[in-house]
PDB file of N, CA and C in Angstrom:
ATOM      1  N   MET A   1     -22.196   0.274 -44.727  1.00  0.00           N
ATOM      2  CA  MET A   1     -23.484   0.093 -43.477  1.00  0.00           C
ATOM      3  C   MET A   1     -24.124   1.652 -43.305  1.00  0.00           C
ATOM      4  N   ASP A   2     -25.296   1.942 -43.067  1.00  0.00           N
ATOM      5  CA  ASP A   2     -25.376   3.296 -42.955  1.00  0.00           C
ATOM      6  C   ASP A   2     -25.178   3.417 -41.851  1.00  0.00           C
ATOM      7  N   GLN A   3     -25.194   5.619 -41.706  1.00  0.00           N
ATOM      8  CA  GLN A   3     -24.493   6.050 -40.435  1.00  0.00           C
ATOM      9  C   GLN A   3     -25.364   5.833 -39.050  1.00  0.00           C
ATOM     10  N   SER A   4     -27.004   5.441 -39.313  1.00  0.00           N
ATOM     11  CA  SER A   4     -27.465   5.976 -38.007  1.00  0.00           C
ATOM     12  C   SER A   4     -27.670   4.874 -37.505  1.00  0.00           C
ATOM     13  N   PHE A   5     -28.566   5.577 -36.435  1.00  0.00           N
ATOM     14  CA  PHE A   5     -27.965   5.239 -34.637  1.00  0.00           C
ATOM     15  C   PHE A   5     -29.733   4.657 -34.575  1.00  0.00           C
ATOM     16  N   GLN A   6     -30.136   3.745 -35.578  1.00  0.00           N
ATOM     17  CA  GLN A   6     -32.104   3.025 -34.849  1.00  0.00           C
ATOM     18  C   GLN A   6     -32.032   3.451 -33.373  1.00  0.00           C
ATOM     19  N   LYS A   7     -33.376   3.158 -33.357  1.00  0.00           N
ATOM     20  CA  LYS A   7     -34.265   2.996 -31.892  1.00  0.00           C
ATOM     21  C   LYS A   7     -33.955   0.896 -31.700  1.00  0.00           C
ATOM     22  N   GLU A   8     -33.626   0.496 -32.214  1.00  0.00           N
ATOM     23  CA  GLU A   8     -33.276  -1.050 -32.675  1.00  0.00           C
ATOM     24  C   GLU A   8     -31.995  -1.103 -31.791  1.00  0.00           C
ATOM     25  N   LEU A   9     -31.303  -0.578 -31.970  1.00  0.00           N
ATOM     26  CA  LEU A   9     -29.711  -0.333 -31.567  1.00  0.00           C
ATOM     27  C   LEU A   9     -29.601  -0.462 -29.903  1.00  0.00           C
ATOM     28  N   ARG A  10     -30.258  -0.212 -28.977  1.00  0.00           N
ATOM     29  CA  ARG A  10     -30.636   0.489 -27.843  1.00  0.00           C
ATOM     30  C   ARG A  10     -31.068  -0.790 -27.531  1.00  0.00           C
ATOM     31  N   LEU A  11     -30.005  -1.022 -25.887  1.00  0.00           N
ATOM     32  CA  LEU A  11     -30.458  -1.965 -24.806  1.00  0.00           C
ATOM     33  C   LEU A  11     -31.499  -1.464 -24.241  1.00  0.00           C
ATOM     34  N   THR A  12     -32.656  -2.242 -24.205  1.00  0.00           N
ATOM     35  CA  THR A  12     -33.644  -1.286 -23.101  1.00  0.00           C
ATOM     36  C   THR A  12     -34.573  -2.163 -22.374  1.00  0.00           C
ATOM     37  N   HIS A  13     -34.363  -3.435 -22.496  1.00  0.00           N
ATOM     38  CA  HIS A  13     -34.964  -4.861 -21.479  1.00  0.00           C
ATOM     39  C   HIS A  13     -34.347  -4.580 -20.865  1.00  0.00           C
ATOM     40  N   LYS A  14     -35.111  -4.630 -19.327  1.00  0.00           N
ATOM     41  CA  LYS A  14     -34.604  -5.255 -17.973  1.00  0.00           C
ATOM     42  C   LYS A  14     -34.391  -6.079 -17.877  1.00  0.00           C
ATOM     43  N   LYS A  15     -34.794  -7.456 -18.483  1.00  0.00           N
ATOM     44  CA  LYS A  15     -34.340  -9.114 -18.643  1.00  0.00           C
ATOM     45  C   LYS A  15     -32.882  -8.989 -18.909  1.00  0.00           C
ATOM     46  N   GLU A  16     -32.324  -8.371 -20.301  1.00  0.00           N
ATOM     47  CA  GLU A  16     -31.193  -8.578 -20.990  1.00  0.00           C
ATOM     48  C   GLU A  16     -30.157  -7.636 -20.062  1.00  0.00           C
ATOM     49  N   ILE A  17     -30.530  -6.714 -19.572  1.00  0.00           N
ATOM     50  CA  ILE A  17     -29.524  -5.567 -18.945  1.00  0.00           C
ATOM     51  C   ILE A  17     -29.367  -6.569 -18.001  1.00  0.00           C
ATOM     52  N   ASP A  18     -30.012  -6.637 -16.835  1.00  0.00           N
ATOM     53  CA  ASP A  18     -29.773  -7.538 -15.740  1.00  0.00           C
ATOM     54  C   ASP A  18     -28.842  -9.128 -16.122  1.00  0.00           C
ATOM     55  N   LYS A  19     -28.989  -9.539 -17.264  1.00  0.00           N
ATOM     56  CA  LYS A  19     -28.487 -10.580 -17.883  1.00  0.00           C
ATOM     57  C   LYS A  19     -27.051 -10.117 -18.199  1.00  0.00           C
ATOM     58  N   LEU A  20     -27.206  -9.118 -18.741  1.00  0.00           N
ATOM     59  CA  LEU A  20     -25.852  -8.343 -19.149  1.00  0.00           C
ATOM     60  C   LEU A  20     -24.824  -8.052 -18.423  1.00  0.00           C
ATOM     61  N   PHE A  21     -25.178  -7.672 -17.245  1.00  0.00           N
ATOM     62  CA  PHE A  21     -24.283  -7.390 -15.435  1.00  0.00           C
ATOM     63  C   PHE A  21     -24.228  -8.416 -14.910  1.00  0.00           C
ATOM     64  N   SER A  22     -24.896  -9.784 -14.751  1.00  0.00           N
ATOM     65  CA  SER A  22     -24.484 -10.597 -13.909  1.00  0.00           C
ATOM     66  C   SER A  22     -23.780 -11.617 -15.321  1.00  0.00           C
ATOM     67  N   SER A  23     -23.079 -11.902 -16.515  1.00  0.00           N
ATOM     68  CA  SER A  23     -22.901 -12.519 -16.000  1.00  0.00           C
ATOM     69  C   SER A  23     -21.560 -12.349 -17.986  1.00  0.00           C
ATOM     70  N   GLY A  24     -22.080 -11.070 -18.320  1.00  0.00           N
ATOM     71  CA  GLY A  24     -21.378  -9.989 -19.314  1.00  0.00           C
ATOM     72  C   GLY A  24     -19.509 -10.649 -19.045  1.00  0.00           C
ATOM     73  N   LYS A  25     -19.268 -10.588 -19.737  1.00  0.00           N
ATOM     74  CA  LYS A  25     -17.175  -9.857 -19.776  1.00  0.00           C
ATOM     75  C   LYS A  25     -17.059  -8.463 -19.474  1.00  0.00           C
ATOM     76  N   ARG A  26     -16.020  -8.632 -18.578  1.00  0.00           N
ATOM     77  CA  ARG A  26     -15.883  -6.808 -18.642  1.00  0.00           C
ATOM     78  C   ARG A  26     -14.315  -6.880 -19.365  1.00  0.00           C
ATOM     79  N   ILE A  27     -14.639  -5.332 -19.882  1.00  0.00           N
ATOM     80  CA  ILE A  27     -13.136  -5.035 -20.083  1.00  0.00           C
ATOM     81  C   ILE A  27     -13.017  -3.513 -19.616  1.00  0.00           C
ATOM     82  N   LYS A  28     -11.334  -3.289 -18.978  1.00  0.00           N
ATOM     83  CA  LYS A  28     -11.647  -1.791 -18.079  1.00  0.00           C
ATOM     84  C   LYS A  28     -10.439  -0.949 -19.251  1.00  0.00           C
ATOM     85  N   SER A  29     -10.478  -0.515 -19.691  1.00  0.00           N
ATOM     86  CA  SER A  29      -9.973   0.689 -20.203  1.00  0.00           C
ATOM     87  C   SER A  29     -10.034   2.478 -20.329  1.00  0.00           C
ATOM     88  N   HIS A  30      -9.222   2.395 -19.850  1.00  0.00           N
ATOM     89  CA  HIS A  30      -9.429   4.093 -18.760  1.00  0.00           C
ATOM     90  C   HIS A  30     -10.181   5.368 -20.379  1.00  0.00           C
ATOM     91  N   PRO A  31     -11.236   5.755 -19.639  1.00  0.00           N
ATOM     92  CA  PRO A  31     -11.918   6.399 -19.078  1.00  0.00           C
ATOM     93  C   PRO A  31     -13.156   4.987 -18.912  1.00  0.00           C
ATOM     94  N   PHE A  32     -13.354   4.114 -19.498  1.00  0.00           N
ATOM     95  CA  PHE A  32     -14.738   3.274 -19.888  1.00  0.00           C
ATOM     96  C   PHE A  32     -14.647   2.071 -18.868  1.00  0.00           C
ATOM     97  N   ILE A  33     -15.734   0.882 -18.506  1.00  0.00           N
ATOM     98  CA  ILE A  33     -15.984   0.010 -18.760  1.00  0.00           C
ATOM     99  C   ILE A  33     -16.969  -0.912 -19.450  1.00  0.00           C
ATOM    100  N   ILE A  34     -16.215  -1.581 -20.341  1.00  0.00           N
ATOM    101  CA  ILE A  34     -17.203  -2.242 -20.766  1.00  0.00           C
ATOM    102  C   ILE A  34     -17.374  -4.288 -20.866  1.00  0.00           C
ATOM    103  N   ILE A  35     -19.149  -3.604 -20.451  1.00  0.00           N
ATOM    104  CA  ILE A  35     -19.322  -5.052 -20.034  1.00  0.00           C
ATOM    105  C   ILE A  35     -20.401  -5.149 -21.560  1.00  0.00           C
ATOM    106  N   TYR A  36     -19.817  -6.997 -21.959  1.00  0.00           N
ATOM    107  CA  TYR A  36     -20.653  -7.454 -23.247  1.00  0.00           C
ATOM    108  C   TYR A  36     -21.005  -9.049 -23.141  1.00  0.00           C
ATOM    109  N   ASN A  37     -21.899  -9.743 -23.907  1.00  0.00           N
ATOM    110  CA  ASN A  37     -22.194 -10.910 -23.880  1.00  0.00           C
ATOM    111  C   ASN A  37     -22.742 -11.064 -25.421  1.00  0.00           C
ATOM    112  N   GLU A  38     -22.519 -12.673 -25.704  1.00  0.00           N
ATOM    113  CA  GLU A  38     -23.095 -12.461 -26.728  1.00  0.00           C
ATOM    114  C   GLU A  38     -24.340 -13.626 -26.388  1.00  0.00           C
ATOM    115  N   VAL A  39     -25.426 -13.224 -27.182  1.00  0.00           N
ATOM    116  CA  VAL A  39     -26.404 -13.587 -27.471  1.00  0.00           C
ATOM    117  C   VAL A  39     -26.911 -14.553 -28.319  1.00  0.00           C
ATOM    118  N   SER A  40     -27.300 -15.948 -27.930  1.00  0.00           N
ATOM    119  CA  SER A  40     -27.151 -16.713 -29.377  1.00  0.00           C
ATOM    120  C   SER A  40     -28.728 -16.268 -29.852  1.00  0.00           C
ATOM    121  N   GLN A  41     -29.695 -15.574 -29.856  1.00  0.00           N
ATOM    122  CA  GLN A  41     -30.963 -15.932 -30.234  1.00  0.00           C
ATOM    123  C   GLN A  41     -30.315 -13.872 -31.298  1.00  0.00           C
ATOM    124  N   LYS A  42     -30.666 -14.747 -32.926  1.00  0.00           N
ATOM    125  CA  LYS A  42     -29.854 -13.744 -33.641  1.00  0.00           C
ATOM    126  C   LYS A  42     -31.218 -13.131 -33.737  1.00  0.00           C
ATOM    127  N   THR A  43     -30.874 -11.287 -34.139  1.00  0.00           N
ATOM    128  CA  THR A  43     -31.740 -10.447 -34.213  1.00  0.00           C
ATOM    129  C   THR A  43     -31.644  -9.388 -35.131  1.00  0.00           C
ATOM    130  N   GLU A  44     -32.600  -8.957 -36.004  1.00  0.00           N
ATOM    131  CA  GLU A  44     -32.191  -8.295 -37.049  1.00  0.00           C
ATOM    132  C   GLU A  44     -30.656  -7.174 -37.313  1.00  0.00           C
ATOM    133  N   VAL A  45     -30.668  -7.262 -35.923  1.00  0.00           N
ATOM    134  CA  VAL A  45     -29.113  -6.041 -35.756  1.00  0.00           C
ATOM    135  C   VAL A  45     -28.154  -6.775 -34.978  1.00  0.00           C
ATOM    136  N   PRO A  46     -27.105  -6.362 -34.812  1.00  0.00           N
ATOM    137  CA  PRO A  46     -25.632  -6.885 -35.068  1.00  0.00           C
ATOM    138  C   PRO A  46     -25.279  -6.610 -33.328  1.00  0.00           C
ATOM    139  N   PHE A  47     -25.800  -5.392 -32.799  1.00  0.00           N
ATOM    140  CA  PHE A  47     -25.429  -5.810 -31.388  1.00  0.00           C
ATOM    141  C   PHE A  47     -26.412  -4.918 -30.908  1.00  0.00           C
ATOM    142  N   LYS A  48     -26.773  -4.608 -29.488  1.00  0.00           N
ATOM    143  CA  LYS A  48     -27.507  -3.599 -28.807  1.00  0.00           C
ATOM    144  C   LYS A  48     -27.105  -3.151 -27.974  1.00  0.00           C
ATOM    145  N   LEU A  49     -27.090  -1.623 -27.729  1.00  0.00           N
ATOM    146  CA  LEU A  49     -26.112  -0.929 -26.919  1.00  0.00           C
ATOM    147  C   LEU A  49     -26.667  -0.184 -25.688  1.00  0.00           C
ATOM    148  N   LEU A  50     -26.194   0.291 -24.571  1.00  0.00           N
ATOM    149  CA  LEU A  50     -26.409   0.415 -23.409  1.00  0.00           C
ATOM    150  C   LEU A  50     -25.088   1.443 -22.726  1.00  0.00           C
ATOM    151  N   ILE A  51     -25.420   2.785 -22.883  1.00  0.00           N
ATOM    152  CA  ILE A  51     -24.582   3.520 -22.831  1.00  0.00           C
ATOM    153  C   ILE A  51     -24.750   4.779 -21.295  1.00  0.00           C
ATOM    154  N   SER A  52     -23.750   4.774 -20.209  1.00  0.00           N
ATOM    155  CA  SER A  52     -24.020   5.163 -18.984  1.00  0.00           C
ATOM    156  C   SER A  52     -23.181   5.507 -18.317  1.00  0.00           C
ATOM    157  N   VAL A  53     -23.267   6.614 -17.975  1.00  0.00           N
ATOM    158  CA  VAL A  53     -22.676   7.664 -17.171  1.00  0.00           C
ATOM    159  C   VAL A  53     -23.332   8.505 -15.323  1.00  0.00           C
ATOM    160  N   PRO A  54     -22.390   7.821 -14.907  1.00  0.00           N
ATOM    161  CA  PRO A  54     -23.255   8.131 -13.644  1.00  0.00           C
ATOM    162  C   PRO A  54     -23.320   9.205 -12.372  1.00  0.00           C
ATOM    163  N   LYS A  55     -24.577   9.403 -12.193  1.00  0.00           N
ATOM    164  CA  LYS A  55     -24.345  10.958 -11.478  1.00  0.00           C
ATOM    165  C   LYS A  55     -24.100  11.105 -10.497  1.00  0.00           C
ATOM    166  N   ARG A  56     -22.954  10.033  -9.821  1.00  0.00           N
ATOM    167  CA  ARG A  56     -22.395  10.539  -8.711  1.00  0.00           C
ATOM    168  C   ARG A  56     -20.854  11.220  -9.254  1.00  0.00           C
ATOM    169  N   ASN A  57     -20.764  10.793 -10.668  1.00  0.00           N
ATOM    170  CA  ASN A  57     -19.383  11.724 -11.261  1.00  0.00           C
ATOM    171  C   ASN A  57     -19.955  12.865 -11.796  1.00  0.00           C
ATOM    172  N   PHE A  58     -20.639  13.053 -12.273  1.00  0.00           N
ATOM    173  CA  PHE A  58     -21.449  14.405 -12.881  1.00  0.00           C
ATOM    174  C   PHE A  58     -22.852  14.530 -12.676  1.00  0.00           C
ATOM    175  N   LYS A  59     -22.757  15.637 -11.562  1.00  0.00           N
ATOM    176  CA  LYS A  59     -24.438  16.092 -10.710  1.00  0.00           C
ATOM    177  C   LYS A  59     -25.302  16.939 -11.819  1.00  0.00           C
ATOM    178  N   LYS A  60     -24.674  17.474 -12.701  1.00  0.00           N
ATOM    179  CA  LYS A  60     -25.926  17.876 -13.851  1.00  0.00           C
ATOM    180  C   LYS A  60     -25.882  17.152 -15.149  1.00  0.00           C
ATOM    181  N   ALA A  61     -27.636  17.131 -15.378  1.00  0.00           N
ATOM    182  CA  ALA A  61     -28.149  16.071 -16.251  1.00  0.00           C
ATOM    183  C   ALA A  61     -27.570  16.610 -17.495  1.00  0.00           C
ATOM    184  N   VAL A  62     -26.755  17.510 -17.610  1.00  0.00           N
ATOM    185  CA  VAL A  62     -26.423  18.686 -18.901  1.00  0.00           C
ATOM    186  C   VAL A  62     -24.887  17.536 -19.457  1.00  0.00           C
ATOM    187  N   ASP A  63     -23.980  17.355 -18.021  1.00  0.00           N
ATOM    188  CA  ASP A  63     -22.661  17.107 -18.423  1.00  0.00           C
ATOM    189  C   ASP A  63     -23.414  15.438 -18.772  1.00  0.00           C
ATOM    190  N   ARG A  64     -24.123  14.381 -18.133  1.00  0.00           N
ATOM    191  CA  ARG A  64     -24.019  13.640 -18.276  1.00  0.00           C
ATOM    192  C   ARG A  64     -24.753  13.210 -19.947  1.00  0.00           C
ATOM    193  N   ASN A  65     -25.333  13.679 -20.082  1.00  0.00           N
ATOM    194  CA  ASN A  65     -26.196  14.089 -21.746  1.00  0.00           C
ATOM    195  C   ASN A  65     -25.088  14.049 -22.716  1.00  0.00           C
ATOM    196  N   TYR A  66     -24.196  15.288 -22.071  1.00  0.00           N
ATOM    197  CA  TYR A  66     -23.195  15.360 -23.418  1.00  0.00           C
ATOM    198  C   TYR A  66     -22.204  14.205 -23.474  1.00  0.00           C
ATOM    199  N   LEU A  67     -21.813  13.548 -22.700  1.00  0.00           N
ATOM    200  CA  LEU A  67     -21.054  12.398 -22.472  1.00  0.00           C
ATOM    201  C   LEU A  67     -21.559  11.721 -23.070  1.00  0.00           C
ATOM    202  N   LYS A  68     -23.073  11.085 -23.017  1.00  0.00           N
ATOM    203  CA  LYS A  68     -23.954  10.082 -24.052  1.00  0.00           C
ATOM    204  C   LYS A  68     -24.163  10.257 -25.345  1.00  0.00           C
ATOM    205  N   ARG A  69     -24.010  11.512 -25.602  1.00  0.00           N
ATOM    206  CA  ARG A  69     -24.460  12.126 -27.090  1.00  0.00           C
ATOM    207  C   ARG A  69     -22.815  11.720 -27.377  1.00  0.00           C
ATOM    208  N   ARG A  70     -21.695  12.417 -27.396  1.00  0.00           N
ATOM    209  CA  ARG A  70     -20.301  11.692 -27.542  1.00  0.00           C
ATOM    210  C   ARG A  70     -19.729  10.423 -27.732  1.00  0.00           C
ATOM    211  N   VAL A  71     -20.253   9.690 -26.767  1.00  0.00           N
ATOM    212  CA  VAL A  71     -20.387   8.351 -26.901  1.00  0.00           C
ATOM    213  C   VAL A  71     -21.000   7.516 -28.051  1.00  0.00           C
ATOM    214  N   ARG A  72     -22.392   7.799 -28.079  1.00  0.00           N
ATOM    215  CA  ARG A  72     -23.043   7.456 -29.121  1.00  0.00           C
ATOM    216  C   ARG A  72     -22.946   7.980 -30.319  1.00  0.00           C
ATOM    217  N   GLU A  73     -22.248   9.190 -30.957  1.00  0.00           N
ATOM    218  CA  GLU A  73     -22.035   9.054 -31.700  1.00  0.00           C
ATOM    219  C   GLU A  73     -20.946   8.548 -32.316  1.00  0.00           C
ATOM    220  N   VAL A  74     -19.512   8.385 -31.442  1.00  0.00           N
ATOM    221  CA  VAL A  74     -18.203   6.885 -31.797  1.00  0.00           C
ATOM    222  C   VAL A  74     -18.913   5.963 -32.111  1.00  0.00           C
ATOM    223  N   VAL A  75     -20.038   5.412 -31.697  1.00  0.00           N
ATOM    224  CA  VAL A  75     -20.259   3.941 -31.964  1.00  0.00           C
ATOM    225  C   VAL A  75     -21.137   4.111 -33.000  1.00  0.00           C
ATOM    226  N   ARG A  76     -22.172   5.563 -33.188  1.00  0.00           N
ATOM    227  CA  ARG A  76     -23.222   5.669 -34.806  1.00  0.00           C
ATOM    228  C   ARG A  76     -21.687   5.394 -36.316  1.00  0.00           C
ATOM    229  N   LYS A  77     -20.477   6.183 -35.710  1.00  0.00           N
ATOM    230  CA  LYS A  77     -19.386   6.221 -36.854  1.00  0.00           C
ATOM    231  C   LYS A  77     -19.049   4.942 -37.133  1.00  0.00           C
ATOM    232  N   ASN A  78     -18.741   4.113 -36.189  1.00  0.00           N
ATOM    233  CA  ASN A  78     -17.577   2.817 -36.160  1.00  0.00           C
ATOM    234  C   ASN A  78     -18.350   1.583 -36.221  1.00  0.00           C
ATOM    235  N   LYS A  79     -19.815   1.988 -36.164  1.00  0.00           N
ATOM    236  CA  LYS A  79     -20.755   0.353 -36.201  1.00  0.00           C
ATOM    237  C   LYS A  79     -20.070  -0.924 -37.125  1.00  0.00           C
ATOM    238  N   GLU A  80     -19.211  -0.886 -37.655  1.00  0.00           N
ATOM    239  CA  GLU A  80     -18.564  -1.806 -38.435  1.00  0.00           C
ATOM    240  C   GLU A  80     -17.795  -2.887 -37.506  1.00  0.00           C
ATOM    241  N   LEU A  81     -17.014  -1.965 -36.174  1.00  0.00           N
ATOM    242  CA  LEU A  81     -16.397  -2.350 -35.374  1.00  0.00           C
ATOM    243  C   LEU A  81     -17.277  -4.123 -34.636  1.00  0.00           C
ATOM    244  N   LEU A  82     -18.575  -3.368 -34.227  1.00  0.00           N
ATOM    245  CA  LEU A  82     -19.187  -4.157 -33.354  1.00  0.00           C
ATOM    246  C   LEU A  82     -20.361  -4.858 -33.971  1.00  0.00           C
ATOM    247  N   SER A  83     -20.589  -5.253 -35.309  1.00  0.00           N
ATOM    248  CA  SER A  83     -21.038  -5.830 -36.694  1.00  0.00           C
ATOM    249  C   SER A  83     -20.493  -7.533 -36.662  1.00  0.00           C
ATOM    250  N   SER A  84     -20.540  -7.959 -36.144  1.00  0.00           N
ATOM    251  CA  SER A  84     -20.117  -9.484 -36.361  1.00  0.00           C
ATOM    252  C   SER A  84     -20.467 -10.126 -37.177  1.00  0.00           C
ATOM    253  N   LYS A  85     -20.008 -11.097 -37.599  1.00  0.00           N
ATOM    254  CA  LYS A  85     -20.721 -11.485 -39.036  1.00  0.00           C
ATOM    255  C   LYS A  85     -21.582 -13.204 -38.717  1.00  0.00           C
ATOM    256  N   SER A  86     -20.727 -13.353 -37.192  1.00  0.00           N
ATOM    257  CA  SER A  86     -21.604 -14.981 -36.875  1.00  0.00           C
ATOM    258  C   SER A  86     -23.487 -14.683 -36.390  1.00  0.00           C
ATOM    259  N   ASP A  87     -23.872 -15.863 -35.967  1.00  0.00           N
ATOM    260  CA  ASP A  87     -25.772 -15.836 -35.833  1.00  0.00           C
ATOM    261  C   ASP A  87     -25.822 -14.998 -34.584  1.00  0.00           C
ATOM    262  N   LYS A  88     -24.872 -14.398 -33.684  1.00  0.00           N
ATOM    263  CA  LYS A  88     -25.236 -14.013 -32.246  1.00  0.00           C
ATOM    264  C   LYS A  88     -25.234 -12.209 -32.484  1.00  0.00           C
ATOM    265  N   THR A  89     -25.621 -12.419 -31.598  1.00  0.00           N
ATOM    266  CA  THR A  89     -25.853 -11.025 -31.037  1.00  0.00           C
ATOM    267  C   THR A  89     -25.584 -10.635 -29.829  1.00  0.00           C
ATOM    268  N   LEU A  90     -24.088  -9.353 -30.394  1.00  0.00           N
ATOM    269  CA  LEU A  90     -23.486  -8.723 -29.062  1.00  0.00           C
ATOM    270  C   LEU A  90     -24.642  -7.469 -27.950  1.00  0.00           C
ATOM    271  N   HIS A  91     -24.985  -7.997 -26.826  1.00  0.00           N
ATOM    272  CA  HIS A  91     -25.004  -6.710 -25.876  1.00  0.00           C
ATOM    273  C   HIS A  91     -23.875  -6.309 -25.056  1.00  0.00           C
ATOM    274  N   ILE A  92     -24.184  -4.457 -25.979  1.00  0.00           N
ATOM    275  CA  ILE A  92     -22.450  -4.489 -24.844  1.00  0.00           C
ATOM    276  C   ILE A  92     -23.317  -2.942 -24.035  1.00  0.00           C
ATOM    277  N   ALA A  93     -22.630  -2.635 -22.433  1.00  0.00           N
ATOM    278  CA  ALA A  93     -22.917  -1.582 -21.850  1.00  0.00           C
ATOM    279  C   ALA A  93     -21.554  -0.382 -22.040  1.00  0.00           C
ATOM    280  N   ILE A  94     -21.809   0.489 -22.179  1.00  0.00           N
ATOM    281  CA  ILE A  94     -20.624   1.173 -22.044  1.00  0.00           C
ATOM    282  C   ILE A  94     -20.850   2.262 -20.601  1.00  0.00           C
ATOM    283  N   LEU A  95     -19.742   1.853 -19.805  1.00  0.00           N
ATOM    284  CA  LEU A  95     -19.843   2.861 -18.535  1.00  0.00           C
ATOM    285  C   LEU A  95     -18.280   4.025 -18.805  1.00  0.00           C
ATOM    286  N   TYR A  96     -18.698   4.757 -18.939  1.00  0.00           N
ATOM    287  CA  TYR A  96     -18.185   6.117 -18.495  1.00  0.00           C
ATOM    288  C   TYR A  96     -17.244   6.504 -16.829  1.00  0.00           C
ATOM    289  N   SER A  97     -16.206   5.736 -16.542  1.00  0.00           N
ATOM    290  CA  SER A  97     -16.107   5.842 -15.265  1.00  0.00           C
ATOM    291  C   SER A  97     -14.990   6.604 -14.792  1.00  0.00           C
ATOM    292  N   PHE A  98     -15.179   8.175 -15.545  1.00  0.00           N
ATOM    293  CA  PHE A  98     -14.283   8.703 -14.629  1.00  0.00           C
ATOM    294  C   PHE A  98     -14.931  10.282 -14.862  1.00  0.00           C
ATOM    295  N   ASN A  99     -14.519  10.818 -13.689  1.00  0.00           N
ATOM    296  CA  ASN A  99     -14.831  12.636 -13.103  1.00  0.00           C
ATOM    297  C   ASN A  99     -14.860  13.452 -14.116  1.00  0.00           C
ATOM    298  N   ILE A 100     -14.244  13.438 -15.249  1.00  0.00           N
ATOM    299  CA  ILE A 100     -13.755  14.720 -15.758  1.00  0.00           C
ATOM    300  C   ILE A 100     -13.735  14.665 -17.797  1.00  0.00           C
ATOM    301  N   LYS A 101     -14.735  15.755 -17.994  1.00  0.00           N
ATOM    302  CA  LYS A 101     -15.506  15.357 -18.998  1.00  0.00           C
ATOM    303  C   LYS A 101     -14.166  15.683 -20.184  1.00  0.00           C
ATOM    304  N   LEU A 102     -13.838  14.823 -21.376  1.00  0.00           N
ATOM    305  CA  LEU A 102     -13.086  14.479 -22.046  1.00  0.00           C
ATOM    306  C   LEU A 102     -13.779  15.484 -22.970  1.00  0.00           C
ATOM    307  N   GLU A 103     -12.390  15.670 -24.499  1.00  0.00           N
ATOM    308  CA  GLU A 103     -13.264  16.134 -25.216  1.00  0.00           C
ATOM    309  C   GLU A 103     -13.535  15.087 -26.125  1.00  0.00           C
ATOM    310  N   TYR A 104     -14.008  15.221 -27.399  1.00  0.00           N
ATOM    311  CA  TYR A 104     -14.160  14.254 -28.010  1.00  0.00           C
ATOM    312  C   TYR A 104     -12.935  13.310 -29.010  1.00  0.00           C
ATOM    313  N   ASN A 105     -12.105  14.114 -29.532  1.00  0.00           N
ATOM    314  CA  ASN A 105     -10.988  13.100 -30.053  1.00  0.00           C
ATOM    315  C   ASN A 105     -10.478  12.547 -29.259  1.00  0.00           C
ATOM    316  N   LYS A 106     -10.679  12.659 -27.447  1.00  0.00           N
ATOM    317  CA  LYS A 106      -9.811  11.631 -26.565  1.00  0.00           C
ATOM    318  C   LYS A 106     -10.608  10.529 -26.125  1.00  0.00           C
ATOM    319  N   ILE A 107     -12.115  11.158 -26.299  1.00  0.00           N
ATOM    320  CA  ILE A 107     -12.600   9.783 -25.526  1.00  0.00           C
ATOM    321  C   ILE A 107     -13.205   8.719 -27.285  1.00  0.00           C
ATOM    322  N   GLU A 108     -13.338   9.426 -28.450  1.00  0.00           N
ATOM    323  CA  GLU A 108     -12.979   8.970 -29.426  1.00  0.00           C
ATOM    324  C   GLU A 108     -11.847   7.427 -30.063  1.00  0.00           C
ATOM    325  N   THR A 109     -10.533   8.070 -29.258  1.00  0.00           N
ATOM    326  CA  THR A 109      -9.568   7.060 -29.513  1.00  0.00           C
ATOM    327  C   THR A 109      -9.446   5.929 -28.322  1.00  0.00           C
ATOM    328  N   ASN A 110      -9.945   6.510 -26.918  1.00  0.00           N
ATOM    329  CA  ASN A 110     -10.242   5.590 -26.099  1.00  0.00           C
ATOM    330  C   ASN A 110     -11.178   4.583 -26.297  1.00  0.00           C
ATOM    331  N   LEU A 111     -12.154   4.789 -26.564  1.00  0.00           N
ATOM    332  CA  LEU A 111     -13.265   4.381 -27.285  1.00  0.00           C
ATOM    333  C   LEU A 111     -12.704   3.119 -27.953  1.00  0.00           C
ATOM    334  N   LEU A 112     -12.332   3.679 -29.193  1.00  0.00           N
ATOM    335  CA  LEU A 112     -12.194   2.500 -29.912  1.00  0.00           C
ATOM    336  C   LEU A 112     -10.869   1.746 -30.181  1.00  0.00           C
ATOM    337  N   GLU A 113     -10.267   1.944 -28.602  1.00  0.00           N
ATOM    338  CA  GLU A 113      -9.117   1.182 -28.230  1.00  0.00           C
ATOM    339  C   GLU A 113     -10.113  -0.030 -27.705  1.00  0.00           C
ATOM    340  N   ALA A 114     -11.105   0.289 -26.935  1.00  0.00           N
ATOM    341  CA  ALA A 114     -11.322  -0.689 -25.770  1.00  0.00           C
ATOM    342  C   ALA A 114     -12.578  -1.103 -27.048  1.00  0.00           C
ATOM    343  N   LEU A 115     -12.672  -0.882 -27.727  1.00  0.00           N
ATOM    344  CA  LEU A 115     -14.056  -1.503 -28.765  1.00  0.00           C
ATOM    345  C   LEU A 115     -13.174  -3.069 -29.605  1.00  0.00           C
ATOM    346  N   LYS A 116     -12.052  -2.315 -29.546  1.00  0.00           N
ATOM    347  CA  LYS A 116     -11.276  -3.055 -30.302  1.00  0.00           C
ATOM    348  C   LYS A 116     -11.074  -4.586 -29.338  1.00  0.00           C
ATOM    349  N   LYS A 117     -10.952  -3.916 -28.756  1.00  0.00           N
ATOM    350  CA  LYS A 117     -10.445  -5.860 -27.378  1.00  0.00           C
ATOM    351  C   LYS A 117     -11.804  -6.709 -27.671  1.00  0.00           C
ATOM    352  N   ILE A 118     -13.169  -6.086 -27.578  1.00  0.00           N
ATOM    353  CA  ILE A 118     -14.418  -7.235 -28.123  1.00  0.00           C
ATOM    354  C   ILE A 118     -13.895  -8.224 -28.785  1.00  0.00           C
ATOM    355  N   GLN A 119     -12.749  -7.697 -30.126  1.00  0.00           N
ATOM    356  CA  GLN A 119     -13.539  -8.317 -30.992  1.00  0.00           C
ATOM    357  C   GLN A 119     -11.939  -9.374 -30.907  1.00  0.00           C
TER     358      GLN A 119
END
């Protein structure tokens, strides 16, 4: 699998996001809350991802963007964890629910533990 993170892998449609937050399953794994839902319509991508860092916890956009880039990098390097073999597409929202910026290696280990719980 290639190591890029295409635009098609981003969850952007409001209806899909609303459906994900209303009927998705939640996993809490410090410092992340992961909401996921299987969608029966198969697209060309195995999953679609939404990353959120709340403004309430990080007032500066620089800090929010830093954390989003780190989370996106972890997902990009470990796409095979989220690539399901079934004919369904996963919609995933990753919410960073901590008020301290963690280092990359801590973000990576905690996020990988949480993503393994999806399977």
